């Protein structure tokens, strides 16, 4: 995806394209931050929230909560908070899934 496509996705506010950006590696922190800012602006609409959860943004955003850049980390946490507050069952599944992964990883180390 070119820089033009990245900025177009942010400008056009296309959730699937924003998800693609967050799944890409080695982009500038500002690009990830801007994608999260845009998603945080869109999350207030229920149909957008449904699409975000379906597209896997709970898991994607959770990976960014450990990011080095504080602005990216903050925006990822804000999005997570907005997604899980109305979806407690999804959050429970997510926590159980990651707890199992963590336990399995510690068994192998």
PDB file of N, CA and C in Angstrom:
ATOM      1  N   UNK A   1       0.857  -1.167   0.000  1.00  0.00           N
ATOM      2  CA  UNK A   1       0.000   0.000   0.000  1.00  0.00           C
ATOM      3  C   UNK A   1       0.907   1.236   0.000  1.00  0.00           C
ATOM      4  N   UNK A   2       0.669   2.144  -0.903  1.00  0.00           N
ATOM      5  CA  UNK A   2       1.495   3.345  -1.005  1.00  0.00           C
ATOM      6  C   UNK A   2       1.091   4.366   0.065  1.00  0.00           C
ATOM      7  N   UNK A   3       1.951   5.359   0.261  1.00  0.00           N
ATOM      8  CA  UNK A   3       1.619   6.434   1.214  1.00  0.00           C
ATOM      9  C   UNK A   3       0.327   7.124   0.814  1.00  0.00           C
ATOM     10  N   UNK A   4       0.114   7.294  -0.493  1.00  0.00           N
ATOM     11  CA  UNK A   4      -1.124   7.916  -0.964  1.00  0.00           C
ATOM     12  C   UNK A   4      -2.333   7.092  -0.545  1.00  0.00           C
ATOM     13  N   UNK A   5      -2.244   5.780  -0.705  1.00  0.00           N
ATOM     14  CA  UNK A   5      -3.358   4.910  -0.332  1.00  0.00           C
ATOM     15  C   UNK A   5      -3.602   4.936   1.171  1.00  0.00           C
ATOM     16  N   UNK A   6      -2.522   5.010   1.940  1.00  0.00           N
ATOM     17  CA  UNK A   6      -2.641   5.076   3.394  1.00  0.00           C
ATOM     18  C   UNK A   6      -3.396   6.335   3.787  1.00  0.00           C
ATOM     19  N   UNK A   7      -2.961   7.463   3.278  1.00  0.00           N
ATOM     20  CA  UNK A   7      -3.610   8.714   3.651  1.00  0.00           C
ATOM     21  C   UNK A   7      -5.017   8.822   3.090  1.00  0.00           C
ATOM     22  N   UNK A   8      -5.263   8.213   1.936  1.00  0.00           N
ATOM     23  CA  UNK A   8      -6.609   8.207   1.382  1.00  0.00           C
ATOM     24  C   UNK A   8      -7.545   7.400   2.283  1.00  0.00           C
ATOM     25  N   UNK A   9      -7.068   6.268   2.792  1.00  0.00           N
ATOM     26  CA  UNK A   9      -7.890   5.442   3.690  1.00  0.00           C
ATOM     27  C   UNK A   9      -8.256   6.217   4.935  1.00  0.00           C
ATOM     28  N   UNK A  10      -7.285   6.966   5.485  1.00  0.00           N
ATOM     29  CA  UNK A  10      -7.566   7.771   6.674  1.00  0.00           C
ATOM     30  C   UNK A  10      -8.539   8.887   6.330  1.00  0.00           C
ATOM     31  N   UNK A  11      -8.304   9.551   5.208  1.00  0.00           N
ATOM     32  CA  UNK A  11      -9.161  10.677   4.807  1.00  0.00           C
ATOM     33  C   UNK A  11     -10.569  10.198   4.486  1.00  0.00           C
ATOM     34  N   UNK A  12     -10.688   9.088   3.758  1.00  0.00           N
ATOM     35  CA  UNK A  12     -12.003   8.572   3.363  1.00  0.00           C
ATOM     36  C   UNK A  12     -12.708   7.823   4.479  1.00  0.00           C
ATOM     37  N   UNK A  13     -11.971   7.532   5.555  1.00  0.00           N
ATOM     38  CA  UNK A  13     -12.546   6.898   6.732  1.00  0.00           C
ATOM     39  C   UNK A  13     -13.106   5.503   6.413  1.00  0.00           C
ATOM     40  N   UNK A  14     -12.352   4.728   5.641  1.00  0.00           N
ATOM     41  CA  UNK A  14     -12.748   3.385   5.253  1.00  0.00           C
ATOM     42  C   UNK A  14     -12.217   2.386   6.280  1.00  0.00           C
ATOM     43  N   UNK A  15     -13.099   1.793   7.039  1.00  0.00           N
ATOM     44  CA  UNK A  15     -12.692   0.885   8.121  1.00  0.00           C
ATOM     45  C   UNK A  15     -11.846  -0.287   7.602  1.00  0.00           C
ATOM     46  N   UNK A  16     -12.256  -0.981   6.548  1.00  0.00           N
ATOM     47  CA  UNK A  16     -11.409  -2.101   6.079  1.00  0.00           C
ATOM     48  C   UNK A  16      -9.993  -1.651   5.693  1.00  0.00           C
ATOM     49  N   UNK A  17      -9.875  -0.501   5.067  1.00  0.00           N
ATOM     50  CA  UNK A  17      -8.552   0.000   4.685  1.00  0.00           C
ATOM     51  C   UNK A  17      -7.740   0.393   5.919  1.00  0.00           C
ATOM     52  N   UNK A  18      -8.393   0.965   6.913  1.00  0.00           N
ATOM     53  CA  UNK A  18      -7.704   1.319   8.155  1.00  0.00           C
ATOM     54  C   UNK A  18      -7.187   0.065   8.866  1.00  0.00           C
ATOM     55  N   UNK A  19      -7.972  -1.001   8.809  1.00  0.00           N
ATOM     56  CA  UNK A  19      -7.540  -2.279   9.381  1.00  0.00           C
ATOM     57  C   UNK A  19      -6.302  -2.780   8.640  1.00  0.00           C
ATOM     58  N   UNK A  20      -6.314  -2.680   7.312  1.00  0.00           N
ATOM     59  CA  UNK A  20      -5.149  -3.089   6.521  1.00  0.00           C
ATOM     60  C   UNK A  20      -3.902  -2.323   6.945  1.00  0.00           C
ATOM     61  N   UNK A  21      -4.056  -1.032   7.171  1.00  0.00           N
ATOM     62  CA  UNK A  21      -2.916  -0.205   7.594  1.00  0.00           C
ATOM     63  C   UNK A  21      -2.358  -0.726   8.911  1.00  0.00           C
ATOM     64  N   UNK A  22      -3.237  -1.006   9.860  1.00  0.00           N
ATOM     65  CA  UNK A  22      -2.786  -1.464  11.175  1.00  0.00           C
ATOM     66  C   UNK A  22      -2.139  -2.848  11.110  1.00  0.00           C
ATOM     67  N   UNK A  23      -2.461  -3.613  10.097  1.00  0.00           N
ATOM     68  CA  UNK A  23      -1.859  -4.937   9.947  1.00  0.00           C
ATOM     69  C   UNK A  23      -0.514  -4.885   9.220  1.00  0.00           C
ATOM     70  N   UNK A  24      -0.204  -3.742   8.630  1.00  0.00           N
ATOM     71  CA  UNK A  24       1.062  -3.603   7.906  1.00  0.00           C
ATOM     72  C   UNK A  24       2.198  -3.375   8.893  1.00  0.00           C
ATOM     73  N   UNK A  25       3.375  -3.820   8.511  1.00  0.00           N
ATOM     74  CA  UNK A  25       4.547  -3.657   9.369  1.00  0.00           C
ATOM     75  C   UNK A  25       5.420  -2.522   8.858  1.00  0.00           C
ATOM     76  N   UNK A  26       6.185  -1.965   9.780  1.00  0.00           N
ATOM     77  CA  UNK A  26       7.228  -0.984   9.472  1.00  0.00           C
ATOM     78  C   UNK A  26       6.714   0.323   8.878  1.00  0.00           C
ATOM     79  N   UNK A  27       5.524   0.740   9.276  1.00  0.00           N
ATOM     80  CA  UNK A  27       5.047   2.063   8.886  1.00  0.00           C
ATOM     81  C   UNK A  27       5.477   3.061   9.955  1.00  0.00           C
ATOM     82  N   UNK A  28       5.394   4.316   9.629  1.00  0.00           N
ATOM     83  CA  UNK A  28       5.716   5.356  10.608  1.00  0.00           C
ATOM     84  C   UNK A  28       4.663   5.344  11.712  1.00  0.00           C
ATOM     85  N   UNK A  29       5.097   5.660  12.919  1.00  0.00           N
ATOM     86  CA  UNK A  29       4.180   5.691  14.056  1.00  0.00           C
ATOM     87  C   UNK A  29       3.005   6.630  13.820  1.00  0.00           C
ATOM     88  N   UNK A  30       3.254   7.726  13.124  1.00  0.00           N
ATOM     89  CA  UNK A  30       2.200   8.705  12.861  1.00  0.00           C
ATOM     90  C   UNK A  30       1.076   8.111  12.013  1.00  0.00           C
ATOM     91  N   UNK A  31       1.414   7.194  11.143  1.00  0.00           N
ATOM     92  CA  UNK A  31       0.392   6.557  10.303  1.00  0.00           C
ATOM     93  C   UNK A  31      -0.494   5.658  11.150  1.00  0.00           C
ATOM     94  N   UNK A  32       0.114   4.862  12.016  1.00  0.00           N
ATOM     95  CA  UNK A  32      -0.680   4.028  12.924  1.00  0.00           C
ATOM     96  C   UNK A  32      -1.548   4.910  13.829  1.00  0.00           C
ATOM     97  N   UNK A  33      -0.935   5.960  14.373  1.00  0.00           N
ATOM     98  CA  UNK A  33      -1.683   6.867  15.255  1.00  0.00           C
ATOM     99  C   UNK A  33      -2.877   7.468  14.530  1.00  0.00           C
ATOM    100  N   UNK A  34      -2.661   7.964  13.304  1.00  0.00           N
ATOM    101  CA  UNK A  34      -3.750   8.584  12.553  1.00  0.00           C
ATOM    102  C   UNK A  34      -4.860   7.585  12.235  1.00  0.00           C
ATOM    103  N   UNK A  35      -4.478   6.346  11.943  1.00  0.00           N
ATOM    104  CA  UNK A  35      -5.494   5.315  11.685  1.00  0.00           C
ATOM    105  C   UNK A  35      -6.340   5.085  12.938  1.00  0.00           C
ATOM    106  N   UNK A  36      -5.697   4.996  14.094  1.00  0.00           N
ATOM    107  CA  UNK A  36      -6.441   4.812  15.348  1.00  0.00           C
ATOM    108  C   UNK A  36      -7.307   6.024  15.680  1.00  0.00           C
ATOM    109  N   UNK A  37      -6.788   7.220  15.451  1.00  0.00           N
ATOM    110  CA  UNK A  37      -7.588   8.424  15.704  1.00  0.00           C
ATOM    111  C   UNK A  37      -8.859   8.393  14.864  1.00  0.00           C
ATOM    112  N   UNK A  38      -8.714   8.057  13.591  1.00  0.00           N
ATOM    113  CA  UNK A  38      -9.882   7.990  12.701  1.00  0.00           C
ATOM    114  C   UNK A  38     -10.857   6.925  13.166  1.00  0.00           C
ATOM    115  N   UNK A  39     -10.352   5.758  13.536  1.00  0.00           N
ATOM    116  CA  UNK A  39     -11.229   4.697  14.040  1.00  0.00           C
ATOM    117  C   UNK A  39     -11.941   5.128  15.320  1.00  0.00           C
ATOM    118  N   UNK A  40     -11.239   5.847  16.187  1.00  0.00           N
ATOM    119  CA  UNK A  40     -11.863   6.331  17.423  1.00  0.00           C
ATOM    120  C   UNK A  40     -12.975   7.339  17.127  1.00  0.00           C
ATOM    121  N   UNK A  41     -12.830   8.088  16.050  1.00  0.00           N
ATOM    122  CA  UNK A  41     -13.894   9.018  15.659  1.00  0.00           C
ATOM    123  C   UNK A  41     -15.098   8.274  15.089  1.00  0.00           C
ATOM    124  N   UNK A  42     -14.867   7.132  14.481  1.00  0.00           N
ATOM    125  CA  UNK A  42     -15.937   6.358  13.841  1.00  0.00           C
ATOM    126  C   UNK A  42     -16.646   5.395  14.777  1.00  0.00           C
ATOM    127  N   UNK A  43     -16.034   5.070  15.911  1.00  0.00           N
ATOM    128  CA  UNK A  43     -16.530   3.992  16.765  1.00  0.00           C
ATOM    129  C   UNK A  43     -17.857   4.322  17.456  1.00  0.00           C
ATOM    130  N   UNK A  44     -18.253   5.568  17.474  1.00  0.00           N
ATOM    131  CA  UNK A  44     -19.483   5.924  18.184  1.00  0.00           C
ATOM    132  C   UNK A  44     -20.745   5.414  17.480  1.00  0.00           C
ATOM    133  N   UNK A  45     -20.663   5.055  16.224  1.00  0.00           N
ATOM    134  CA  UNK A  45     -21.820   4.528  15.499  1.00  0.00           C
ATOM    135  C   UNK A  45     -21.847   3.006  15.627  1.00  0.00           C
ATOM    136  N   UNK A  46     -22.971   2.465  16.034  1.00  0.00           N
ATOM    137  CA  UNK A  46     -23.086   1.037  16.317  1.00  0.00           C
ATOM    138  C   UNK A  46     -22.701   0.167  15.123  1.00  0.00           C
ATOM    139  N   UNK A  47     -23.140   0.568  13.919  1.00  0.00           N
ATOM    140  CA  UNK A  47     -22.811  -0.264  12.752  1.00  0.00           C
ATOM    141  C   UNK A  47     -21.300  -0.266  12.486  1.00  0.00           C
ATOM    142  N   UNK A  48     -20.631   0.849  12.783  1.00  0.00           N
ATOM    143  CA  UNK A  48     -19.169   0.888  12.649  1.00  0.00           C
ATOM    144  C   UNK A  48     -18.510   0.003  13.700  1.00  0.00           C
ATOM    145  N   UNK A  49     -19.055   0.052  14.897  1.00  0.00           N
ATOM    146  CA  UNK A  49     -18.519  -0.772  15.984  1.00  0.00           C
ATOM    147  C   UNK A  49     -18.641  -2.255  15.634  1.00  0.00           C
ATOM    148  N   UNK A  50     -19.769  -2.649  15.087  1.00  0.00           N
ATOM    149  CA  UNK A  50     -19.958  -4.041  14.666  1.00  0.00           C
ATOM    150  C   UNK A  50     -18.924  -4.429  13.611  1.00  0.00           C
ATOM    151  N   UNK A  51     -18.721  -3.558  12.634  1.00  0.00           N
ATOM    152  CA  UNK A  51     -17.754  -3.848  11.574  1.00  0.00           C
ATOM    153  C   UNK A  51     -16.344  -3.952  12.148  1.00  0.00           C
ATOM    154  N   UNK A  52     -16.006  -3.056  13.071  1.00  0.00           N
ATOM    155  CA  UNK A  52     -14.669  -3.064  13.671  1.00  0.00           C
ATOM    156  C   UNK A  52     -14.400  -4.367  14.418  1.00  0.00           C
ATOM    157  N   UNK A  53     -15.377  -4.819  15.156  1.00  0.00           N
ATOM    158  CA  UNK A  53     -15.217  -6.065  15.906  1.00  0.00           C
ATOM    159  C   UNK A  53     -15.114  -7.242  14.944  1.00  0.00           C
ATOM    160  N   UNK A  54     -15.950  -7.249  13.911  1.00  0.00           N
ATOM    161  CA  UNK A  54     -15.913  -8.305  12.908  1.00  0.00           C
ATOM    162  C   UNK A  54     -14.573  -8.345  12.181  1.00  0.00           C
ATOM    163  N   UNK A  55     -13.989  -7.187  11.948  1.00  0.00           N
ATOM    164  CA  UNK A  55     -12.700  -7.106  11.239  1.00  0.00           C
ATOM    165  C   UNK A  55     -11.511  -7.428  12.143  1.00  0.00           C
ATOM    166  N   UNK A  56     -11.773  -7.731  13.420  1.00  0.00           N
ATOM    167  CA  UNK A  56     -10.705  -8.153  14.317  1.00  0.00           C
ATOM    168  C   UNK A  56      -9.958  -7.031  15.009  1.00  0.00           C
ATOM    169  N   UNK A  57     -10.583  -5.870  15.124  1.00  0.00           N
ATOM    170  CA  UNK A  57      -9.874  -4.741  15.712  1.00  0.00           C
ATOM    171  C   UNK A  57      -9.622  -4.859  17.205  1.00  0.00           C
ATOM    172  N   UNK A  58     -10.359  -5.700  17.903  1.00  0.00           N
ATOM    173  CA  UNK A  58     -10.061  -5.905  19.323  1.00  0.00           C
ATOM    174  C   UNK A  58      -8.671  -6.521  19.453  1.00  0.00           C
ATOM    175  N   UNK A  59      -8.424  -7.548  18.681  1.00  0.00           N
ATOM    176  CA  UNK A  59      -7.119  -8.217  18.734  1.00  0.00           C
ATOM    177  C   UNK A  59      -6.012  -7.326  18.170  1.00  0.00           C
ATOM    178  N   UNK A  60      -6.292  -6.663  17.058  1.00  0.00           N
ATOM    179  CA  UNK A  60      -5.278  -5.805  16.437  1.00  0.00           C
ATOM    180  C   UNK A  60      -4.889  -4.670  17.378  1.00  0.00           C
ATOM    181  N   UNK A  61      -5.885  -3.999  17.953  1.00  0.00           N
ATOM    182  CA  UNK A  61      -5.600  -2.881  18.854  1.00  0.00           C
ATOM    183  C   UNK A  61      -4.862  -3.349  20.097  1.00  0.00           C
ATOM    184  N   UNK A  62      -5.168  -4.556  20.554  1.00  0.00           N
ATOM    185  CA  UNK A  62      -4.499  -5.051  21.762  1.00  0.00           C
ATOM    186  C   UNK A  62      -2.998  -5.206  21.542  1.00  0.00           C
ATOM    187  N   UNK A  63      -2.596  -5.565  20.340  1.00  0.00           N
ATOM    188  CA  UNK A  63      -1.167  -5.681  20.039  1.00  0.00           C
ATOM    189  C   UNK A  63      -0.467  -4.328  20.140  1.00  0.00           C
ATOM    190  N   UNK A  64      -1.190  -3.270  19.816  1.00  0.00           N
ATOM    191  CA  UNK A  64      -0.603  -1.932  19.857  1.00  0.00           C
ATOM    192  C   UNK A  64      -0.561  -1.351  21.272  1.00  0.00           C
ATOM    193  N   UNK A  65      -1.173  -2.016  22.238  1.00  0.00           N
ATOM    194  CA  UNK A  65      -1.106  -1.499  23.615  1.00  0.00           C
ATOM    195  C   UNK A  65       0.293  -1.654  24.201  1.00  0.00           C
ATOM    196  N   UNK A  66       1.135  -2.427  23.544  1.00  0.00           N
ATOM    197  CA  UNK A  66       2.521  -2.607  23.987  1.00  0.00           C
ATOM    198  C   UNK A  66       3.503  -1.841  23.092  1.00  0.00           C
ATOM    199  N   UNK A  67       2.981  -0.999  22.232  1.00  0.00           N
ATOM    200  CA  UNK A  67       3.796  -0.264  21.269  1.00  0.00           C
ATOM    201  C   UNK A  67       4.703   0.729  21.979  1.00  0.00           C
ATOM    202  N   UNK A  68       5.864   0.989  21.424  1.00  0.00           N
ATOM    203  CA  UNK A  68       6.823   1.927  22.030  1.00  0.00           C
ATOM    204  C   UNK A  68       6.333   3.371  22.011  1.00  0.00           C
ATOM    205  N   UNK A  69       5.657   3.754  20.948  1.00  0.00           N
ATOM    206  CA  UNK A  69       5.223   5.142  20.771  1.00  0.00           C
ATOM    207  C   UNK A  69       3.961   5.397  21.599  1.00  0.00           C
ATOM    208  N   UNK A  70       4.038   6.341  22.508  1.00  0.00           N
ATOM    209  CA  UNK A  70       2.936   6.553  23.463  1.00  0.00           C
ATOM    210  C   UNK A  70       1.630   6.983  22.790  1.00  0.00           C
ATOM    211  N   UNK A  71       1.708   7.790  21.739  1.00  0.00           N
ATOM    212  CA  UNK A  71       0.478   8.241  21.079  1.00  0.00           C
ATOM    213  C   UNK A  71      -0.254   7.077  20.410  1.00  0.00           C
ATOM    214  N   UNK A  72       0.486   6.169  19.813  1.00  0.00           N
ATOM    215  CA  UNK A  72      -0.110   4.979  19.199  1.00  0.00           C
ATOM    216  C   UNK A  72      -0.740   4.123  20.294  1.00  0.00           C
ATOM    217  N   UNK A  73      -0.010   3.914  21.370  1.00  0.00           N
ATOM    218  CA  UNK A  73      -0.494   3.102  22.493  1.00  0.00           C
ATOM    219  C   UNK A  73      -1.776   3.697  23.076  1.00  0.00           C
ATOM    220  N   UNK A  74      -1.790   5.008  23.276  1.00  0.00           N
ATOM    221  CA  UNK A  74      -2.972   5.680  23.852  1.00  0.00           C
ATOM    222  C   UNK A  74      -4.191   5.519  22.951  1.00  0.00           C
ATOM    223  N   UNK A  75      -4.025   5.756  21.657  1.00  0.00           N
ATOM    224  CA  UNK A  75      -5.155   5.654  20.730  1.00  0.00           C
ATOM    225  C   UNK A  75      -5.662   4.217  20.625  1.00  0.00           C
ATOM    226  N   UNK A  76      -4.757   3.252  20.672  1.00  0.00           N
ATOM    227  CA  UNK A  76      -5.161   1.844  20.641  1.00  0.00           C
ATOM    228  C   UNK A  76      -5.984   1.509  21.884  1.00  0.00           C
ATOM    229  N   UNK A  77      -5.548   1.986  23.025  1.00  0.00           N
ATOM    230  CA  UNK A  77      -6.284   1.716  24.277  1.00  0.00           C
ATOM    231  C   UNK A  77      -7.647   2.391  24.279  1.00  0.00           C
ATOM    232  N   UNK A  78      -7.713   3.607  23.733  1.00  0.00           N
ATOM    233  CA  UNK A  78      -9.008   4.288  23.635  1.00  0.00           C
ATOM    234  C   UNK A  78      -9.972   3.491  22.756  1.00  0.00           C
ATOM    235  N   UNK A  79      -9.469   2.995  21.638  1.00  0.00           N
ATOM    236  CA  UNK A  79     -10.324   2.206  20.754  1.00  0.00           C
ATOM    237  C   UNK A  79     -10.780   0.927  21.449  1.00  0.00           C
ATOM    238  N   UNK A  80      -9.865   0.251  22.110  1.00  0.00           N
ATOM    239  CA  UNK A  80     -10.245  -0.959  22.847  1.00  0.00           C
ATOM    240  C   UNK A  80     -11.342  -0.665  23.860  1.00  0.00           C
ATOM    241  N   UNK A  81     -11.158   0.406  24.612  1.00  0.00           N
ATOM    242  CA  UNK A  81     -12.162   0.786  25.606  1.00  0.00           C
ATOM    243  C   UNK A  81     -13.521   1.031  24.973  1.00  0.00           C
ATOM    244  N   UNK A  82     -13.522   1.716  23.836  1.00  0.00           N
ATOM    245  CA  UNK A  82     -14.785   1.994  23.148  1.00  0.00           C
ATOM    246  C   UNK A  82     -15.424   0.745  22.571  1.00  0.00           C
ATOM    247  N   UNK A  83     -14.610  -0.199  22.149  1.00  0.00           N
ATOM    248  CA  UNK A  83     -15.168  -1.426  21.577  1.00  0.00           C
ATOM    249  C   UNK A  83     -15.691  -2.378  22.645  1.00  0.00           C
ATOM    250  N   UNK A  84     -14.972  -2.506  23.735  1.00  0.00           N
ATOM    251  CA  UNK A  84     -15.352  -3.534  24.714  1.00  0.00           C
ATOM    252  C   UNK A  84     -16.415  -3.083  25.701  1.00  0.00           C
ATOM    253  N   UNK A  85     -16.602  -1.790  25.852  1.00  0.00           N
ATOM    254  CA  UNK A  85     -17.573  -1.327  26.841  1.00  0.00           C
ATOM    255  C   UNK A  85     -18.992  -1.807  26.514  1.00  0.00           C
ATOM    256  N   UNK A  86     -19.306  -1.930  25.227  1.00  0.00           N
ATOM    257  CA  UNK A  86     -20.639  -2.376  24.832  1.00  0.00           C
ATOM    258  C   UNK A  86     -20.677  -3.839  24.421  1.00  0.00           C
ATOM    259  N   UNK A  87     -19.524  -4.506  24.498  1.00  0.00           N
ATOM    260  CA  UNK A  87     -19.424  -5.892  24.070  1.00  0.00           C
ATOM    261  C   UNK A  87     -18.724  -6.723  25.133  1.00  0.00           C
ATOM    262  N   UNK A  88     -19.294  -6.837  26.329  1.00  0.00           N
ATOM    263  CA  UNK A  88     -18.596  -7.562  27.399  1.00  0.00           C
ATOM    264  C   UNK A  88     -18.325  -9.024  27.072  1.00  0.00           C
ATOM    265  N   UNK A  89     -19.199  -9.684  26.316  1.00  0.00           N
ATOM    266  CA  UNK A  89     -18.957 -11.090  25.978  1.00  0.00           C
ATOM    267  C   UNK A  89     -17.747 -11.241  25.067  1.00  0.00           C
ATOM    268  N   UNK A  90     -17.596 -10.322  24.124  1.00  0.00           N
ATOM    269  CA  UNK A  90     -16.418 -10.350  23.240  1.00  0.00           C
ATOM    270  C   UNK A  90     -15.174 -10.134  24.083  1.00  0.00           C
ATOM    271  N   UNK A  91     -15.236  -9.218  25.026  1.00  0.00           N
ATOM    272  CA  UNK A  91     -14.082  -8.932  25.864  1.00  0.00           C
ATOM    273  C   UNK A  91     -13.710 -10.165  26.691  1.00  0.00           C
ATOM    274  N   UNK A  92     -14.697 -10.837  27.242  1.00  0.00           N
ATOM    275  CA  UNK A  92     -14.425 -12.049  28.023  1.00  0.00           C
ATOM    276  C   UNK A  92     -13.731 -13.110  27.167  1.00  0.00           C
ATOM    277  N   UNK A  93     -14.235 -13.337  25.963  1.00  0.00           N
ATOM    278  CA  UNK A  93     -13.614 -14.302  25.055  1.00  0.00           C
ATOM    279  C   UNK A  93     -12.175 -13.898  24.748  1.00  0.00           C
ATOM    280  N   UNK A  94     -11.988 -12.628  24.516  1.00  0.00           N
ATOM    281  CA  UNK A  94     -10.671 -12.096  24.190  1.00  0.00           C
ATOM    282  C   UNK A  94      -9.694 -12.336  25.341  1.00  0.00           C
ATOM    283  N   UNK A  95     -10.116 -12.032  26.558  1.00  0.00           N
ATOM    284  CA  UNK A  95      -9.257 -12.205  27.727  1.00  0.00           C
ATOM    285  C   UNK A  95      -8.940 -13.687  27.924  1.00  0.00           C
ATOM    286  N   UNK A  96      -9.931 -14.546  27.809  1.00  0.00           N
ATOM    287  CA  UNK A  96      -9.711 -15.986  27.974  1.00  0.00           C
ATOM    288  C   UNK A  96      -8.748 -16.496  26.902  1.00  0.00           C
ATOM    289  N   UNK A  97      -8.945 -16.059  25.671  1.00  0.00           N
ATOM    290  CA  UNK A  97      -8.072 -16.479  24.571  1.00  0.00           C
ATOM    291  C   UNK A  97      -6.622 -16.082  24.835  1.00  0.00           C
ATOM    292  N   UNK A  98      -6.390 -14.847  25.240  1.00  0.00           N
ATOM    293  CA  UNK A  98      -5.020 -14.393  25.473  1.00  0.00           C
ATOM    294  C   UNK A  98      -4.416 -14.994  26.738  1.00  0.00           C
ATOM    295  N   UNK A  99      -5.236 -15.273  27.697  1.00  0.00           N
ATOM    296  CA  UNK A  99      -4.733 -15.937  28.910  1.00  0.00           C
ATOM    297  C   UNK A  99      -4.249 -17.345  28.556  1.00  0.00           C
ATOM    298  N   UNK A 100      -5.004 -18.046  27.721  1.00  0.00           N
ATOM    299  CA  UNK A 100      -4.578 -19.384  27.285  1.00  0.00           C
ATOM    300  C   UNK A 100      -3.279 -19.310  26.491  1.00  0.00           C
ATOM    301  N   UNK A 101      -3.189 -18.329  25.592  1.00  0.00           N
ATOM    302  CA  UNK A 101      -1.968 -18.167  24.802  1.00  0.00           C
ATOM    303  C   UNK A 101      -0.773 -17.887  25.709  1.00  0.00           C
ATOM    304  N   UNK A 102      -0.977 -17.041  26.703  1.00  0.00           N
ATOM    305  CA  UNK A 102       0.103 -16.679  27.617  1.00  0.00           C
ATOM    306  C   UNK A 102       0.560 -17.910  28.399  1.00  0.00           C
ATOM    307  N   UNK A 103      -0.392 -18.701  28.890  1.00  0.00           N
ATOM    308  CA  UNK A 103      -0.048 -19.915  29.652  1.00  0.00           C
ATOM    309  C   UNK A 103       0.688 -20.917  28.779  1.00  0.00           C
ATOM    310  N   UNK A 104       0.201 -21.103  27.546  1.00  0.00           N
ATOM    311  CA  UNK A 104       0.870 -22.035  26.629  1.00  0.00           C
ATOM    312  C   UNK A 104       2.280 -21.561  26.297  1.00  0.00           C
ATOM    313  N   UNK A 105       2.452 -20.283  26.121  1.00  0.00           N
ATOM    314  CA  UNK A 105       3.766 -19.745  25.818  1.00  0.00           C
ATOM    315  C   UNK A 105       4.722 -19.953  26.986  1.00  0.00           C
ATOM    316  N   UNK A 106       4.223 -19.737  28.211  1.00  0.00           N
ATOM    317  CA  UNK A 106       5.091 -19.905  29.381  1.00  0.00           C
ATOM    318  C   UNK A 106       5.452 -21.375  29.595  1.00  0.00           C
ATOM    319  N   UNK A 107       4.603 -22.305  29.177  1.00  0.00           N
ATOM    320  CA  UNK A 107       4.901 -23.725  29.288  1.00  0.00           C
ATOM    321  C   UNK A 107       6.052 -24.114  28.362  1.00  0.00           C
ATOM    322  N   UNK A 108       6.116 -23.450  27.211  1.00  0.00           N
ATOM    323  CA  UNK A 108       7.140 -23.780  26.223  1.00  0.00           C
ATOM    324  C   UNK A 108       8.471 -23.100  26.493  1.00  0.00           C
ATOM    325  N   UNK A 109       8.492 -22.155  27.388  1.00  0.00           N
ATOM    326  CA  UNK A 109       9.753 -21.432  27.687  1.00  0.00           C
ATOM    327  C   UNK A 109      10.472 -22.005  28.857  1.00  0.00           C
TER     328      UNK A 109
END
